[in-house]
Amino acid sequence: MAHDADFPAVSIDDLPGGLVIEDGLRDAAAGKRTPAALLVTIAAPRLRRLGLPIPSDSELARDPELLLYECLRKGSVPDPYSQYNALLRELVSFEHALERRVFSAMRRARG
């Protein structure tokens, strides 16, 4: 859910990639370095502008793209490069869908 006072609360779990982003929000808030948390960190400025409560963590914020790839490479992912690109595509889809939902909710709220 978007929580910023300037934005209407919107559900995100049904958006493309929404469940991964929700996991990332939880993991980032807990300071965990997971692929989901790093994905959220990559998009933090844009997601904050859309009202999502993205924690500021200097450890995750330093080169999150490189950290994400390294996390995938060290994990049990058979093809980290493909998985990295798939996650970024999912993130972009999520961002676009969230923008549409937030701006639509803002238009409805204005009457």
C-alpha atoms as a PDB file:
ATOM      1  CA  MET A   1       0.000   0.000   0.000  1.00  0.00           C
ATOM      2  CA  ALA A   2       1.146   3.537  -0.709  1.00  0.00           C
ATOM      3  CA  HIS A   3       1.391   5.411   2.590  1.00  0.00           C
ATOM      4  CA  ASP A   4       2.520   8.948   1.768  1.00  0.00           C
ATOM      5  CA  ALA A   5       0.073  11.644   2.856  1.00  0.00           C
ATOM      6  CA  ASP A   6       0.208  13.301  -0.579  1.00  0.00           C
ATOM      7  CA  PHE A   7      -0.999  10.127  -2.277  1.00  0.00           C
ATOM      8  CA  PRO A   8      -4.129   8.048  -1.862  1.00  0.00           C
ATOM      9  CA  ALA A   9      -3.582   4.608  -0.358  1.00  0.00           C
ATOM     10  CA  VAL A  10      -3.433   2.069  -3.143  1.00  0.00           C
ATOM     11  CA  SER A  11      -3.081  -1.677  -3.135  1.00  0.00           C
ATOM     12  CA  ILE A  12       0.045  -3.048  -4.812  1.00  0.00           C
ATOM     13  CA  ASP A  13      -0.146  -6.804  -4.293  1.00  0.00           C
ATOM     14  CA  ASP A  14      -2.180  -7.370  -7.462  1.00  0.00           C
ATOM     15  CA  LEU A  15       0.119  -5.300  -9.680  1.00  0.00           C
ATOM     16  CA  PRO A  16       2.697  -7.083 -11.856  1.00  0.00           C
ATOM     17  CA  GLY A  17       5.619  -7.730  -9.506  1.00  0.00           C
ATOM     18  CA  GLY A  18       3.619  -6.451  -6.539  1.00  0.00           C
ATOM     19  CA  LEU A  19       4.328  -9.446  -4.333  1.00  0.00           C
ATOM     20  CA  VAL A  20       8.076  -9.167  -4.983  1.00  0.00           C
ATOM     21  CA  ILE A  21       7.942  -5.453  -4.159  1.00  0.00           C
ATOM     22  CA  GLU A  22       6.014  -6.134  -0.943  1.00  0.00           C
ATOM     23  CA  ASP A  23       8.675  -8.681   0.032  1.00  0.00           C
ATOM     24  CA  GLY A  24      11.333  -6.128  -0.859  1.00  0.00           C
ATOM     25  CA  LEU A  25       9.711  -3.438   1.278  1.00  0.00           C
ATOM     26  CA  ARG A  26       9.668  -5.798   4.269  1.00  0.00           C
ATOM     27  CA  ASP A  27      13.221  -7.002   3.679  1.00  0.00           C
ATOM     28  CA  ALA A  28      14.594  -3.489   3.144  1.00  0.00           C
ATOM     29  CA  ALA A  29      12.868  -2.253   6.318  1.00  0.00           C
ATOM     30  CA  ALA A  30      14.510  -5.152   8.198  1.00  0.00           C
ATOM     31  CA  GLY A  31      17.904  -4.324   6.663  1.00  0.00           C
ATOM     32  CA  LYS A  32      18.081  -7.629   4.793  1.00  0.00           C
ATOM     33  CA  ARG A  33      20.148  -7.809   1.600  1.00  0.00           C
ATOM     34  CA  THR A  34      17.806  -9.906  -0.537  1.00  0.00           C
ATOM     35  CA  PRO A  35      17.134  -9.666  -4.261  1.00  0.00           C
ATOM     36  CA  ALA A  36      13.703  -8.206  -3.483  1.00  0.00           C
ATOM     37  CA  ALA A  37      15.129  -5.559  -1.114  1.00  0.00           C
ATOM     38  CA  LEU A  38      17.768  -4.612  -3.670  1.00  0.00           C
ATOM     39  CA  LEU A  39      15.130  -4.351  -6.384  1.00  0.00           C
ATOM     40  CA  VAL A  40      13.147  -1.914  -4.228  1.00  0.00           C
ATOM     41  CA  THR A  41      16.341   0.025  -3.517  1.00  0.00           C
ATOM     42  CA  ILE A  42      17.093   0.338  -7.236  1.00  0.00           C
ATOM     43  CA  ALA A  43      13.738   2.027  -7.751  1.00  0.00           C
ATOM     44  CA  ALA A  44      13.628   3.864  -4.413  1.00  0.00           C
ATOM     45  CA  PRO A  45      13.501   7.455  -5.743  1.00  0.00           C
ATOM     46  CA  ARG A  46      10.658   6.743  -8.149  1.00  0.00           C
ATOM     47  CA  LEU A  47       8.749   4.561  -5.664  1.00  0.00           C
ATOM     48  CA  ARG A  48       9.069   7.229  -2.968  1.00  0.00           C
ATOM     49  CA  ARG A  49       7.669   9.815  -5.405  1.00  0.00           C
ATOM     50  CA  LEU A  50       4.684   7.491  -5.867  1.00  0.00           C
ATOM     51  CA  GLY A  51       4.098   7.308  -2.111  1.00  0.00           C
ATOM     52  CA  LEU A  52       5.685   4.012  -1.106  1.00  0.00           C
ATOM     53  CA  PRO A  53       7.529   4.025   2.223  1.00  0.00           C
ATOM     54  CA  ILE A  54      11.041   3.084   1.118  1.00  0.00           C
ATOM     55  CA  PRO A  55      13.516   2.948   4.001  1.00  0.00           C
ATOM     56  CA  SER A  56      16.829   4.734   3.609  1.00  0.00           C
ATOM     57  CA  ASP A  57      19.649   2.261   4.080  1.00  0.00           C
ATOM     58  CA  SER A  58      23.077   3.398   3.044  1.00  0.00           C
ATOM     59  CA  GLU A  59      24.331  -0.198   2.805  1.00  0.00           C
ATOM     60  CA  LEU A  60      21.680  -1.161   0.275  1.00  0.00           C
ATOM     61  CA  ALA A  61      21.777   2.192  -1.510  1.00  0.00           C
ATOM     62  CA  ARG A  62      25.392   1.838  -2.607  1.00  0.00           C
ATOM     63  CA  ASP A  63      25.341   0.293  -6.078  1.00  0.00           C
ATOM     64  CA  PRO A  64      22.122  -1.704  -5.653  1.00  0.00           C
ATOM     65  CA  GLU A  65      22.301  -2.929  -9.270  1.00  0.00           C
ATOM     66  CA  LEU A  66      25.730  -4.460  -8.679  1.00  0.00           C
ATOM     67  CA  LEU A  67      24.662  -5.861  -5.318  1.00  0.00           C
ATOM     68  CA  LEU A  68      21.580  -7.439  -6.902  1.00  0.00           C
ATOM     69  CA  TYR A  69      23.635  -9.133  -9.595  1.00  0.00           C
ATOM     70  CA  GLU A  70      26.192 -10.304  -7.025  1.00  0.00           C
ATOM     71  CA  CYS A  71      23.407 -11.656  -4.795  1.00  0.00           C
ATOM     72  CA  LEU A  72      21.954 -13.618  -7.716  1.00  0.00           C
ATOM     73  CA  ARG A  73      25.395 -14.834  -8.800  1.00  0.00           C
ATOM     74  CA  LYS A  74      26.206 -16.110  -5.309  1.00  0.00           C
ATOM     75  CA  GLY A  75      22.783 -17.728  -4.922  1.00  0.00           C
ATOM     76  CA  SER A  76      21.474 -20.860  -6.548  1.00  0.00           C
ATOM     77  CA  VAL A  77      20.283 -19.040  -9.673  1.00  0.00           C
ATOM     78  CA  PRO A  78      21.393 -21.029 -12.750  1.00  0.00           C
ATOM     79  CA  ASP A  79      21.631 -17.958 -15.002  1.00  0.00           C
ATOM     80  CA  PRO A  80      22.058 -14.821 -12.867  1.00  0.00           C
ATOM     81  CA  TYR A  81      22.252 -12.474 -15.860  1.00  0.00           C
ATOM     82  CA  SER A  82      18.885 -13.628 -17.217  1.00  0.00           C
ATOM     83  CA  GLN A  83      17.326 -13.527 -13.753  1.00  0.00           C
ATOM     84  CA  TYR A  84      18.726 -10.026 -13.187  1.00  0.00           C
ATOM     85  CA  ASN A  85      17.195  -8.780 -16.432  1.00  0.00           C
ATOM     86  CA  ALA A  86      13.881 -10.508 -15.674  1.00  0.00           C
ATOM     87  CA  LEU A  87      13.721  -8.815 -12.267  1.00  0.00           C
ATOM     88  CA  LEU A  88      14.432  -5.409 -13.795  1.00  0.00           C
ATOM     89  CA  ARG A  89      11.703  -5.933 -16.400  1.00  0.00           C
ATOM     90  CA  GLU A  90       9.295  -6.915 -13.627  1.00  0.00           C
ATOM     91  CA  LEU A  91      10.290  -3.779 -11.718  1.00  0.00           C
ATOM     92  CA  VAL A  92       9.597  -1.543 -14.714  1.00  0.00           C
ATOM     93  CA  SER A  93       6.193  -3.190 -15.210  1.00  0.00           C
ATOM     94  CA  PHE A  94       5.423  -2.624 -11.546  1.00  0.00           C
ATOM     95  CA  GLU A  95       6.462   1.037 -11.699  1.00  0.00           C
ATOM     96  CA  HIS A  96       4.270   1.723 -14.722  1.00  0.00           C
ATOM     97  CA  ALA A  97       1.275  -0.055 -13.208  1.00  0.00           C
ATOM     98  CA  LEU A  98       1.719   1.754  -9.888  1.00  0.00           C
ATOM     99  CA  GLU A  99       1.914   5.120 -11.639  1.00  0.00           C
ATOM    100  CA  ARG A 100      -1.332   4.408 -13.469  1.00  0.00           C
ATOM    101  CA  ARG A 101      -3.037   3.294 -10.251  1.00  0.00           C
ATOM    102  CA  VAL A 102      -1.823   6.229  -8.150  1.00  0.00           C
ATOM    103  CA  PHE A 103      -2.674   8.877 -10.742  1.00  0.00           C
ATOM    104  CA  SER A 104      -6.062   7.293 -11.382  1.00  0.00           C
ATOM    105  CA  ALA A 105      -6.809   7.308  -7.652  1.00  0.00           C
ATOM    106  CA  MET A 106      -5.706  10.957  -7.446  1.00  0.00           C
ATOM    107  CA  ARG A 107      -8.068  11.907 -10.289  1.00  0.00           C
ATOM    108  CA  ARG A 108     -10.959  10.112  -8.569  1.00  0.00           C
ATOM    109  CA  ALA A 109     -10.147  11.819  -5.246  1.00  0.00           C
ATOM    110  CA  ARG A 110     -10.276  15.251  -6.872  1.00  0.00           C
ATOM    111  CA  GLY A 111     -13.745  14.510  -8.070  1.00  0.00           C
END
